[in-house]
Amino acid sequence: MLPLTTVKVSNKQKKEMAEEALIRVGLENKMKRLPNQLSGGEQERVAIARAIVNSPPLILADEPTGSLDTKTGNEIMELFQKLNEEGLTILMVTHNPDNLRYMGRTIYMKDGKILEDNWKSIEKF
């Protein structure tokens, strides 16, 4: 509920919005857990829930799978793909080439310069 502190709605509405965000990221059965009671992947999902609770048009993600194992990283990327299909724009920085299969557009940069800009049709996923 922390990202909702500046939103002028009742605490009840804030709780409902936070619960809905947790449901969207697949954590409906972990709402009462403390951070140290969650896995790394679950903690990353909480971070995504915090990012989407205010219904932003854009998420900026810096290495969202960097500290996760392959299976959990793929789950996070599948979640991002689902959110993108729902209309959310996601701008992600990654060094992991495995994440590219989830992207509709990939921009390669080196030393602050764009080397390549690839656009893929969403049907290729």
Protein backbone atom coordinates (compact mmCIF):
# COMPACT_ATOMS: atom_id res chain seq x y z
CA MET A 1 0.00 0.00 0.00
CA LEU A 2 3.03 2.31 0.32
CA PRO A 3 2.84 3.65 -3.28
CA LEU A 4 -0.75 4.66 -2.55
CA THR A 5 0.10 7.05 0.32
CA THR A 6 -0.35 10.10 -1.91
CA VAL A 7 -3.57 8.85 -3.52
CA LYS A 8 -6.71 10.48 -2.13
CA VAL A 9 -8.87 7.41 -1.58
CA SER A 10 -9.96 5.65 1.59
CA ASN A 11 -7.69 3.17 3.35
CA LYS A 12 -10.21 0.48 2.47
CA GLN A 13 -9.87 1.33 -1.22
CA LYS A 14 -6.07 1.39 -0.91
CA LYS A 15 -6.13 -2.07 0.64
CA GLU A 16 -8.37 -3.33 -2.16
CA MET A 17 -6.07 -1.81 -4.81
CA ALA A 18 -3.02 -3.40 -3.18
CA GLU A 19 -4.75 -6.78 -2.96
CA GLU A 20 -5.75 -6.57 -6.63
CA ALA A 21 -2.14 -5.81 -7.62
CA LEU A 22 -0.93 -8.83 -5.63
CA ILE A 23 -3.56 -11.02 -7.28
CA ARG A 24 -2.43 -9.83 -10.74
CA VAL A 25 1.14 -10.94 -10.00
CA GLY A 26 0.05 -14.30 -8.57
CA LEU A 27 0.59 -13.65 -4.87
CA GLU A 28 -2.98 -13.86 -3.60
CA ASN A 29 -2.01 -16.60 -1.14
CA LYS A 30 1.02 -14.69 0.24
CA MET A 31 -0.60 -11.39 1.26
CA LYS A 32 0.06 -11.84 4.99
CA ARG A 33 3.73 -12.82 4.62
CA LEU A 34 6.68 -10.65 5.60
CA PRO A 35 9.46 -10.00 3.05
CA ASN A 36 11.85 -12.48 4.71
CA GLN A 37 9.16 -15.16 4.31
CA LEU A 38 9.14 -14.77 0.50
CA SER A 39 11.46 -16.24 -2.11
CA GLY A 40 13.50 -13.99 -4.39
CA GLY A 41 10.99 -14.46 -7.19
CA GLU A 42 8.09 -13.65 -4.88
CA GLN A 43 9.89 -10.51 -3.70
CA GLU A 44 10.35 -9.49 -7.35
CA ARG A 45 6.61 -10.03 -7.90
CA VAL A 46 5.89 -7.77 -4.91
CA ALA A 47 8.09 -5.12 -6.54
CA ILE A 48 6.06 -5.46 -9.73
CA ALA A 49 2.81 -5.23 -7.75
CA ARG A 50 4.07 -1.99 -6.16
CA ALA A 51 4.88 -0.70 -9.65
CA ILE A 52 1.43 -1.48 -11.09
CA VAL A 53 -0.81 -0.61 -8.12
CA ASN A 54 -1.30 2.96 -9.39
CA SER A 55 -2.10 1.75 -12.94
CA PRO A 56 0.83 3.53 -14.59
CA PRO A 57 1.13 3.61 -18.39
CA LEU A 58 4.82 2.63 -18.14
CA ILE A 59 7.07 0.44 -15.99
CA LEU A 60 10.83 1.00 -15.93
CA ALA A 61 12.58 -2.27 -15.05
CA ASP A 62 16.35 -2.44 -14.45
CA GLU A 63 17.59 -6.05 -14.59
CA PRO A 64 14.37 -7.48 -13.07
CA THR A 65 15.65 -11.06 -13.41
CA GLY A 66 19.28 -10.39 -12.53
CA SER A 67 19.26 -12.08 -9.12
CA LEU A 68 16.83 -14.88 -9.98
CA ASP A 69 17.32 -18.46 -11.14
CA THR A 70 16.34 -19.28 -14.73
CA LYS A 71 12.91 -20.75 -13.92
CA THR A 72 11.89 -17.82 -11.71
CA GLY A 73 13.33 -15.33 -14.19
CA ASN A 74 11.20 -16.86 -16.93
CA GLU A 75 8.12 -16.57 -14.69
CA ILE A 76 8.82 -12.86 -14.18
CA MET A 77 9.29 -12.35 -17.92
CA GLU A 78 6.03 -14.18 -18.62
CA LEU A 79 4.32 -11.86 -16.13
CA PHE A 80 5.80 -8.82 -17.91
CA GLN A 81 4.60 -10.23 -21.22
CA LYS A 82 1.08 -10.66 -19.82
CA LEU A 83 1.07 -7.11 -18.44
CA ASN A 84 2.27 -5.83 -21.81
CA GLU A 85 -0.53 -7.70 -23.58
CA GLU A 86 -2.94 -5.92 -21.20
CA GLY A 87 -1.64 -2.60 -22.52
CA LEU A 88 1.18 -1.73 -20.12
CA THR A 89 4.40 -0.47 -21.71
CA ILE A 90 7.52 -1.96 -20.14
CA LEU A 91 10.95 -0.46 -20.69
CA MET A 92 13.51 -2.96 -19.46
CA VAL A 93 17.28 -2.91 -19.27
CA THR A 94 18.87 -6.35 -19.29
CA HIS A 95 22.14 -8.10 -20.06
CA ASN A 96 20.38 -11.48 -20.22
CA PRO A 97 19.94 -12.59 -23.85
CA ASP A 98 17.31 -15.17 -22.77
CA ASN A 99 14.94 -12.29 -21.96
CA LEU A 100 14.94 -11.13 -25.58
CA ARG A 101 12.43 -13.78 -26.64
CA TYR A 102 9.78 -11.95 -24.60
CA MET A 103 10.42 -8.57 -26.19
CA GLY A 104 8.52 -6.98 -29.05
CA ARG A 105 11.23 -4.39 -29.59
CA THR A 106 14.91 -4.63 -28.74
CA ILE A 107 17.33 -1.73 -28.83
CA TYR A 108 21.01 -2.63 -28.52
CA MET A 109 23.24 0.01 -26.98
CA LYS A 110 26.95 0.28 -26.33
CA ASP A 111 28.67 3.17 -24.57
CA GLY A 112 25.47 5.21 -24.69
CA LYS A 113 24.97 4.84 -28.44
CA ILE A 114 22.25 2.89 -30.23
CA LEU A 115 23.79 0.16 -32.36
CA GLU A 116 20.61 -1.59 -33.50
CA ASP A 117 16.85 -1.19 -33.16
CA ASN A 118 14.74 -4.29 -33.88
CA TRP A 119 10.95 -4.44 -33.92
CA LYS A 120 9.25 -7.87 -33.89
CA SER A 121 5.61 -8.56 -34.53
CA ILE A 122 3.87 -9.77 -31.37
CA GLU A 123 2.65 -12.83 -33.33
CA LYS A 124 6.19 -14.23 -33.26
CA PHE A 125 5.94 -14.98 -29.51
